[in-house]
Amino acid sequence: MSLSRAPRRRSTGGRRALLLTAVTVAGVVTLTACDAADGGGKPSGSAGGNYVTGKAGVSTAAKGERTEAPKLDGQTLDGEVLDTTTLKGKIVVLNVWGSWCPPCRAEAPAFAKVSKEFADAGKDVAFVGINTRDNSTQSAKAFETDYGITYPSLYDPAGKLMLRFPKGTLNPQAIPSTIVLDKEGRIASRALVPISEETLRSMIDPLLAEQ
């Protein structure tokens, strides 16, 4: 009897070890989907945040419920100094991106086109990129050239600028993320998915109409 039981115990342990390995591998695959700033990609403000998420994946805050955006400053990919607080009085579109990120490449043409349209129309809209997780500026600059991105991007390889946003607000939590600030420098909307021209305009146009 003892000889017949030993193989069964080893077999059960082997199955458990195999199952644990499979679960671990599945978890790693899930977390490497593009990148999430806090490891899960779930909005930290979803429990109690004063905002509404629409069908397009865009979360918006009512005018009286918006949070002041943090100061985002540093060097751009071109070595210039940029401080987003100097842009108050304009609607500011912040796009967190990386040249290594496929969804960022998917949405880049929309950002290039819409930013140019607003600039040509003389609208009070400023676009600012936040380039992250690129080990050098060379690949990031090549990305901008390939997709016709003409607005500046802060170079933030370690992702420190993303951490300046208060938790529980419309903070960036994935790459790509798009945050739109109203003319008072407050966070008005956020998207944690790659967005189209139509969606991007829908995040900007209501703020242009605000009095």
C-alpha atoms as a PDB file:
ATOM      1  CA  MET A   1       0.000   0.000   0.000  1.00  0.00           C
ATOM      2  CA  SER A   2       2.779   2.481   0.864  1.00  0.00           C
ATOM      3  CA  LEU A   3       4.447   1.913  -2.498  1.00  0.00           C
ATOM      4  CA  SER A   4       1.233   2.737  -4.375  1.00  0.00           C
ATOM      5  CA  ARG A   5       0.574   5.943  -2.385  1.00  0.00           C
ATOM      6  CA  ALA A   6       3.986   7.566  -2.937  1.00  0.00           C
ATOM      7  CA  PRO A   7       3.559   8.133  -6.693  1.00  0.00           C
ATOM      8  CA  ARG A   8       0.116   9.666  -6.138  1.00  0.00           C
ATOM      9  CA  ARG A   9       1.523  12.242  -3.669  1.00  0.00           C
ATOM     10  CA  ARG A  10       4.335  13.154  -6.047  1.00  0.00           C
ATOM     11  CA  SER A  11       1.864  13.438  -8.933  1.00  0.00           C
ATOM     12  CA  THR A  12      -0.405  15.808  -6.956  1.00  0.00           C
ATOM     13  CA  GLY A  13       2.545  17.994  -5.994  1.00  0.00           C
ATOM     14  CA  GLY A  14       3.700  18.043  -9.606  1.00  0.00           C
ATOM     15  CA  ARG A  15       0.274  19.119 -10.821  1.00  0.00           C
ATOM     16  CA  ARG A  16       0.196  21.916  -8.218  1.00  0.00           C
ATOM     17  CA  ALA A  17       3.660  23.108  -9.221  1.00  0.00           C
ATOM     18  CA  LEU A  18       2.652  23.048 -12.888  1.00  0.00           C
ATOM     19  CA  LEU A  19      -0.518  25.022 -12.144  1.00  0.00           C
ATOM     20  CA  LEU A  20       1.434  27.604 -10.114  1.00  0.00           C
ATOM     21  CA  THR A  21       3.923  28.020 -12.956  1.00  0.00           C
ATOM     22  CA  ALA A  22       1.101  28.507 -15.476  1.00  0.00           C
ATOM     23  CA  VAL A  23      -0.558  31.160 -13.309  1.00  0.00           C
ATOM     24  CA  THR A  24       2.751  32.985 -12.841  1.00  0.00           C
ATOM     25  CA  VAL A  25       3.452  33.020 -16.577  1.00  0.00           C
ATOM     26  CA  ALA A  26      -0.090  34.248 -17.312  1.00  0.00           C
ATOM     27  CA  GLY A  27       0.393  37.108 -14.842  1.00  0.00           C
ATOM     28  CA  VAL A  28       3.640  38.187 -16.473  1.00  0.00           C
ATOM     29  CA  VAL A  29       2.058  38.142 -19.930  1.00  0.00           C
ATOM     30  CA  THR A  30      -0.843  40.272 -18.667  1.00  0.00           C
ATOM     31  CA  LEU A  31       1.391  42.919 -17.093  1.00  0.00           C
ATOM     32  CA  THR A  32       3.553  43.350 -20.188  1.00  0.00           C
ATOM     33  CA  ALA A  33       0.620  44.408 -22.398  1.00  0.00           C
ATOM     34  CA  CYS A  34       2.123  47.894 -23.061  1.00  0.00           C
ATOM     35  CA  ASP A  35       2.652  49.498 -19.718  1.00  0.00           C
ATOM     36  CA  ALA A  36       0.645  50.637 -16.709  1.00  0.00           C
ATOM     37  CA  ALA A  37       2.076  53.210 -14.363  1.00  0.00           C
ATOM     38  CA  ASP A  38       0.796  51.585 -11.185  1.00  0.00           C
ATOM     39  CA  GLY A  39       0.854  47.959 -12.261  1.00  0.00           C
ATOM     40  CA  GLY A  40      -2.806  47.358 -12.986  1.00  0.00           C
ATOM     41  CA  GLY A  41      -4.060  49.926 -15.433  1.00  0.00           C
ATOM     42  CA  LYS A  42      -7.205  50.516 -13.348  1.00  0.00           C
ATOM     43  CA  PRO A  43      -8.249  54.122 -12.666  1.00  0.00           C
ATOM     44  CA  SER A  44      -7.224  54.905  -9.093  1.00  0.00           C
ATOM     45  CA  GLY A  45     -10.040  57.414  -8.845  1.00  0.00           C
ATOM     46  CA  SER A  46     -12.743  54.952  -9.856  1.00  0.00           C
ATOM     47  CA  ALA A  47     -13.814  54.576  -6.231  1.00  0.00           C
ATOM     48  CA  GLY A  48     -14.953  58.017  -5.244  1.00  0.00           C
ATOM     49  CA  GLY A  49     -13.450  60.141  -8.010  1.00  0.00           C
ATOM     50  CA  ASN A  50     -15.635  63.068  -9.109  1.00  0.00           C
ATOM     51  CA  TYR A  51     -15.671  62.224 -12.789  1.00  0.00           C
ATOM     52  CA  VAL A  52     -17.614  60.243 -15.368  1.00  0.00           C
ATOM     53  CA  THR A  53     -16.218  57.784 -17.913  1.00  0.00           C
ATOM     54  CA  GLY A  54     -17.959  57.703 -21.281  1.00  0.00           C
ATOM     55  CA  LYS A  55     -18.283  54.956 -23.879  1.00  0.00           C
ATOM     56  CA  ALA A  56     -15.143  56.049 -25.741  1.00  0.00           C
ATOM     57  CA  GLY A  57     -13.057  55.426 -22.632  1.00  0.00           C
ATOM     58  CA  VAL A  58     -12.709  59.145 -21.902  1.00  0.00           C
ATOM     59  CA  SER A  59     -13.223  60.269 -18.301  1.00  0.00           C
ATOM     60  CA  THR A  60     -14.358  63.857 -17.742  1.00  0.00           C
ATOM     61  CA  ALA A  61     -14.671  66.093 -14.690  1.00  0.00           C
ATOM     62  CA  ALA A  62     -17.319  68.795 -14.412  1.00  0.00           C
ATOM     63  CA  LYS A  63     -16.034  72.366 -14.313  1.00  0.00           C
ATOM     64  CA  GLY A  64     -16.557  72.714 -10.560  1.00  0.00           C
ATOM     65  CA  GLU A  65     -15.020  69.325  -9.741  1.00  0.00           C
ATOM     66  CA  ARG A  66     -11.623  69.621 -11.430  1.00  0.00           C
ATOM     67  CA  THR A  67      -8.263  69.219  -9.708  1.00  0.00           C
ATOM     68  CA  GLU A  68      -5.285  71.486 -10.279  1.00  0.00           C
ATOM     69  CA  ALA A  69      -2.692  69.801 -12.471  1.00  0.00           C
ATOM     70  CA  PRO A  70       0.841  69.485 -11.077  1.00  0.00           C
ATOM     71  CA  LYS A  71       3.781  71.463 -12.391  1.00  0.00           C
ATOM     72  CA  LEU A  72       5.399  69.481 -15.195  1.00  0.00           C
ATOM     73  CA  ASP A  73       8.786  70.826 -16.109  1.00  0.00           C
ATOM     74  CA  GLY A  74      12.141  69.727 -17.448  1.00  0.00           C
ATOM     75  CA  GLN A  75      14.048  69.395 -20.684  1.00  0.00           C
ATOM     76  CA  THR A  76      12.398  68.543 -23.960  1.00  0.00           C
ATOM     77  CA  LEU A  77      13.739  66.047 -26.468  1.00  0.00           C
ATOM     78  CA  ASP A  78      15.430  68.999 -28.175  1.00  0.00           C
ATOM     79  CA  GLY A  79      17.140  70.114 -24.973  1.00  0.00           C
ATOM     80  CA  GLU A  80      14.899  73.130 -24.386  1.00  0.00           C
ATOM     81  CA  VAL A  81      13.412  73.989 -20.982  1.00  0.00           C
ATOM     82  CA  LEU A  82       9.629  73.653 -20.690  1.00  0.00           C
ATOM     83  CA  ASP A  83       7.273  74.359 -17.773  1.00  0.00           C
ATOM     84  CA  THR A  84       3.582  73.599 -18.360  1.00  0.00           C
ATOM     85  CA  THR A  85       2.445  76.092 -15.709  1.00  0.00           C
ATOM     86  CA  THR A  86       3.466  78.891 -18.100  1.00  0.00           C
ATOM     87  CA  LEU A  87       0.744  77.673 -20.480  1.00  0.00           C
ATOM     88  CA  LYS A  88      -2.167  78.733 -18.256  1.00  0.00           C
ATOM     89  CA  GLY A  89      -4.702  80.621 -20.310  1.00  0.00           C
ATOM     90  CA  LYS A  90      -4.562  77.893 -22.950  1.00  0.00           C
ATOM     91  CA  ILE A  91      -6.091  74.457 -23.136  1.00  0.00           C
ATOM     92  CA  VAL A  92      -3.200  72.015 -22.719  1.00  0.00           C
ATOM     93  CA  VAL A  93      -3.222  68.538 -24.239  1.00  0.00           C
ATOM     94  CA  LEU A  94      -0.724  66.209 -22.541  1.00  0.00           C
ATOM     95  CA  ASN A  95       0.122  62.937 -24.253  1.00  0.00           C
ATOM     96  CA  VAL A  96       2.242  60.315 -22.473  1.00  0.00           C
ATOM     97  CA  TRP A  97       3.997  58.152 -25.044  1.00  0.00           C
ATOM     98  CA  GLY A  98       7.009  56.000 -25.870  1.00  0.00           C
ATOM     99  CA  SER A  99       8.554  55.160 -29.227  1.00  0.00           C
ATOM    100  CA  TRP A 100       8.532  51.465 -28.209  1.00  0.00           C
ATOM    101  CA  CYS A 101       4.750  51.426 -27.627  1.00  0.00           C
ATOM    102  CA  PRO A 102       2.547  50.073 -30.489  1.00  0.00           C
ATOM    103  CA  PRO A 103      -0.651  51.886 -29.305  1.00  0.00           C
ATOM    104  CA  CYS A 104       1.358  55.140 -29.253  1.00  0.00           C
ATOM    105  CA  ARG A 105       2.293  54.590 -32.878  1.00  0.00           C
ATOM    106  CA  ALA A 106      -1.361  53.898 -33.685  1.00  0.00           C
ATOM    107  CA  GLU A 107      -2.585  57.232 -32.284  1.00  0.00           C
ATOM    108  CA  ALA A 108       0.378  59.405 -33.373  1.00  0.00           C
ATOM    109  CA  PRO A 109      -1.092  60.408 -36.775  1.00  0.00           C
ATOM    110  CA  ALA A 110      -4.211  61.737 -35.027  1.00  0.00           C
ATOM    111  CA  PHE A 111      -2.133  63.878 -32.669  1.00  0.00           C
ATOM    112  CA  ALA A 112       0.004  65.200 -35.529  1.00  0.00           C
ATOM    113  CA  LYS A 113      -3.056  66.169 -37.582  1.00  0.00           C
ATOM    114  CA  VAL A 114      -5.230  67.653 -34.826  1.00  0.00           C
ATOM    115  CA  SER A 115      -2.385  69.643 -33.230  1.00  0.00           C
ATOM    116  CA  LYS A 116      -1.562  71.179 -36.622  1.00  0.00           C
ATOM    117  CA  GLU A 117      -5.223  72.044 -37.265  1.00  0.00           C
ATOM    118  CA  PHE A 118      -5.554  73.934 -33.984  1.00  0.00           C
ATOM    119  CA  ALA A 119      -2.222  75.702 -34.499  1.00  0.00           C
ATOM    120  CA  ASP A 120      -3.183  76.787 -38.029  1.00  0.00           C
ATOM    121  CA  ALA A 121      -6.542  78.034 -36.761  1.00  0.00           C
ATOM    122  CA  GLY A 122      -4.854  80.141 -34.067  1.00  0.00           C
ATOM    123  CA  LYS A 123      -6.761  78.439 -31.255  1.00  0.00           C
ATOM    124  CA  ASP A 124      -5.568  78.702 -27.646  1.00  0.00           C
ATOM    125  CA  VAL A 125      -4.575  75.040 -27.505  1.00  0.00           C
ATOM    126  CA  ALA A 126      -1.087  73.798 -26.664  1.00  0.00           C
ATOM    127  CA  PHE A 127       0.066  70.213 -27.162  1.00  0.00           C
ATOM    128  CA  VAL A 128       2.837  68.788 -24.982  1.00  0.00           C
ATOM    129  CA  GLY A 129       4.153  65.248 -25.096  1.00  0.00           C
ATOM    130  CA  ILE A 130       5.696  63.365 -22.197  1.00  0.00           C
ATOM    131  CA  ASN A 131       8.124  60.831 -23.609  1.00  0.00           C
ATOM    132  CA  THR A 132       8.810  58.014 -21.177  1.00  0.00           C
ATOM    133  CA  ARG A 133      10.735  54.732 -20.916  1.00  0.00           C
ATOM    134  CA  ASP A 134      12.923  55.572 -23.922  1.00  0.00           C
ATOM    135  CA  ASN A 135      16.567  55.041 -22.991  1.00  0.00           C
ATOM    136  CA  SER A 136      17.771  57.819 -25.284  1.00  0.00           C
ATOM    137  CA  THR A 137      16.288  60.736 -27.155  1.00  0.00           C
ATOM    138  CA  GLN A 138      17.406  59.346 -30.517  1.00  0.00           C
ATOM    139  CA  SER A 139      14.580  56.835 -30.968  1.00  0.00           C
ATOM    140  CA  ALA A 140      12.047  59.330 -29.592  1.00  0.00           C
ATOM    141  CA  LYS A 141      13.149  61.996 -32.073  1.00  0.00           C
ATOM    142  CA  ALA A 142      12.941  59.471 -34.904  1.00  0.00           C
ATOM    143  CA  PHE A 143       9.367  58.684 -33.808  1.00  0.00           C
ATOM    144  CA  GLU A 144       8.422  62.372 -33.982  1.00  0.00           C
ATOM    145  CA  THR A 145       9.976  62.716 -37.428  1.00  0.00           C
ATOM    146  CA  ASP A 146       8.244  59.593 -38.748  1.00  0.00           C
ATOM    147  CA  TYR A 147       4.806  60.737 -37.596  1.00  0.00           C
ATOM    148  CA  GLY A 148       5.143  64.479 -38.142  1.00  0.00           C
ATOM    149  CA  ILE A 149       4.904  65.474 -34.482  1.00  0.00           C
ATOM    150  CA  THR A 150       5.912  69.142 -34.279  1.00  0.00           C
ATOM    151  CA  TYR A 151       4.976  70.081 -30.691  1.00  0.00           C
ATOM    152  CA  PRO A 152       7.511  69.649 -27.850  1.00  0.00           C
ATOM    153  CA  SER A 153       7.814  66.605 -25.623  1.00  0.00           C
ATOM    154  CA  LEU A 154       9.321  66.549 -22.141  1.00  0.00           C
ATOM    155  CA  TYR A 155      11.918  63.799 -21.846  1.00  0.00           C
ATOM    156  CA  ASP A 156      10.985  61.659 -18.834  1.00  0.00           C
ATOM    157  CA  PRO A 157      12.680  58.249 -19.200  1.00  0.00           C
ATOM    158  CA  ALA A 158      12.004  57.168 -15.601  1.00  0.00           C
ATOM    159  CA  GLY A 159       8.330  58.205 -15.617  1.00  0.00           C
ATOM    160  CA  LYS A 160       8.752  60.608 -12.691  1.00  0.00           C
ATOM    161  CA  LEU A 161       6.456  63.280 -14.140  1.00  0.00           C
ATOM    162  CA  MET A 162       3.520  60.864 -14.190  1.00  0.00           C
ATOM    163  CA  LEU A 163       3.911  60.380 -10.442  1.00  0.00           C
ATOM    164  CA  ARG A 164       3.354  64.078  -9.758  1.00  0.00           C
ATOM    165  CA  PHE A 165      -0.375  63.730 -10.472  1.00  0.00           C
ATOM    166  CA  PRO A 166      -2.460  63.223  -7.313  1.00  0.00           C
ATOM    167  CA  LYS A 167      -3.892  59.741  -6.891  1.00  0.00           C
ATOM    168  CA  GLY A 168      -7.659  59.519  -6.962  1.00  0.00           C
ATOM    169  CA  THR A 169      -7.815  62.102  -9.764  1.00  0.00           C
ATOM    170  CA  LEU A 170      -7.718  61.860 -13.532  1.00  0.00           C
ATOM    171  CA  ASN A 171      -4.046  60.937 -13.430  1.00  0.00           C
ATOM    172  CA  PRO A 172      -2.128  59.121 -16.199  1.00  0.00           C
ATOM    173  CA  GLN A 173      -1.846  55.420 -15.405  1.00  0.00           C
ATOM    174  CA  ALA A 174      -0.902  53.812 -18.695  1.00  0.00           C
ATOM    175  CA  ILE A 175       1.146  54.380 -21.812  1.00  0.00           C
ATOM    176  CA  PRO A 176      -0.356  55.938 -23.794  1.00  0.00           C
ATOM    177  CA  SER A 177      -2.397  58.326 -21.657  1.00  0.00           C
ATOM    178  CA  THR A 178      -3.919  61.630 -22.716  1.00  0.00           C
ATOM    179  CA  ILE A 179      -4.772  64.365 -20.221  1.00  0.00           C
ATOM    180  CA  VAL A 180      -6.484  67.620 -21.210  1.00  0.00           C
ATOM    181  CA  LEU A 181      -6.248  70.677 -18.950  1.00  0.00           C
ATOM    182  CA  ASP A 182      -8.671  73.586 -19.056  1.00  0.00           C
ATOM    183  CA  LYS A 183      -7.516  77.206 -19.326  1.00  0.00           C
ATOM    184  CA  GLU A 184      -7.148  77.391 -15.541  1.00  0.00           C
ATOM    185  CA  GLY A 185      -4.655  74.528 -15.527  1.00  0.00           C
ATOM    186  CA  ARG A 186      -7.117  72.017 -14.063  1.00  0.00           C
ATOM    187  CA  ILE A 187      -7.558  68.411 -15.196  1.00  0.00           C
ATOM    188  CA  ALA A 188     -10.689  68.250 -17.340  1.00  0.00           C
ATOM    189  CA  SER A 189     -10.463  64.868 -19.067  1.00  0.00           C
ATOM    190  CA  ARG A 190      -8.364  61.762 -19.471  1.00  0.00           C
ATOM    191  CA  ALA A 191      -8.048  58.773 -21.802  1.00  0.00           C
ATOM    192  CA  LEU A 192      -6.028  55.675 -20.924  1.00  0.00           C
ATOM    193  CA  VAL A 193      -6.332  54.143 -24.395  1.00  0.00           C
ATOM    194  CA  PRO A 194      -5.066  55.131 -27.853  1.00  0.00           C
ATOM    195  CA  ILE A 195      -7.504  57.697 -29.265  1.00  0.00           C
ATOM    196  CA  SER A 196      -8.728  58.818 -32.673  1.00  0.00           C
ATOM    197  CA  GLU A 197      -8.945  62.301 -34.194  1.00  0.00           C
ATOM    198  CA  GLU A 198     -12.655  62.405 -33.357  1.00  0.00           C
ATOM    199  CA  THR A 199     -12.096  61.463 -29.719  1.00  0.00           C
ATOM    200  CA  LEU A 200      -9.250  63.942 -29.340  1.00  0.00           C
ATOM    201  CA  ARG A 201     -11.380  66.784 -30.690  1.00  0.00           C
ATOM    202  CA  SER A 202     -14.245  65.741 -28.389  1.00  0.00           C
ATOM    203  CA  MET A 203     -11.919  66.257 -25.422  1.00  0.00           C
ATOM    204  CA  ILE A 204     -10.850  69.747 -26.570  1.00  0.00           C
ATOM    205  CA  ASP A 205     -13.898  71.367 -28.180  1.00  0.00           C
ATOM    206  CA  PRO A 206     -16.099  71.560 -25.036  1.00  0.00           C
ATOM    207  CA  LEU A 207     -13.303  73.388 -23.198  1.00  0.00           C
ATOM    208  CA  LEU A 208     -12.959  75.939 -26.003  1.00  0.00           C
ATOM    209  CA  ALA A 209     -16.675  76.648 -25.601  1.00  0.00           C
ATOM    210  CA  GLU A 210     -16.475  77.191 -21.843  1.00  0.00           C
ATOM    211  CA  GLN A 211     -16.920  80.735 -20.530  1.00  0.00           C
END
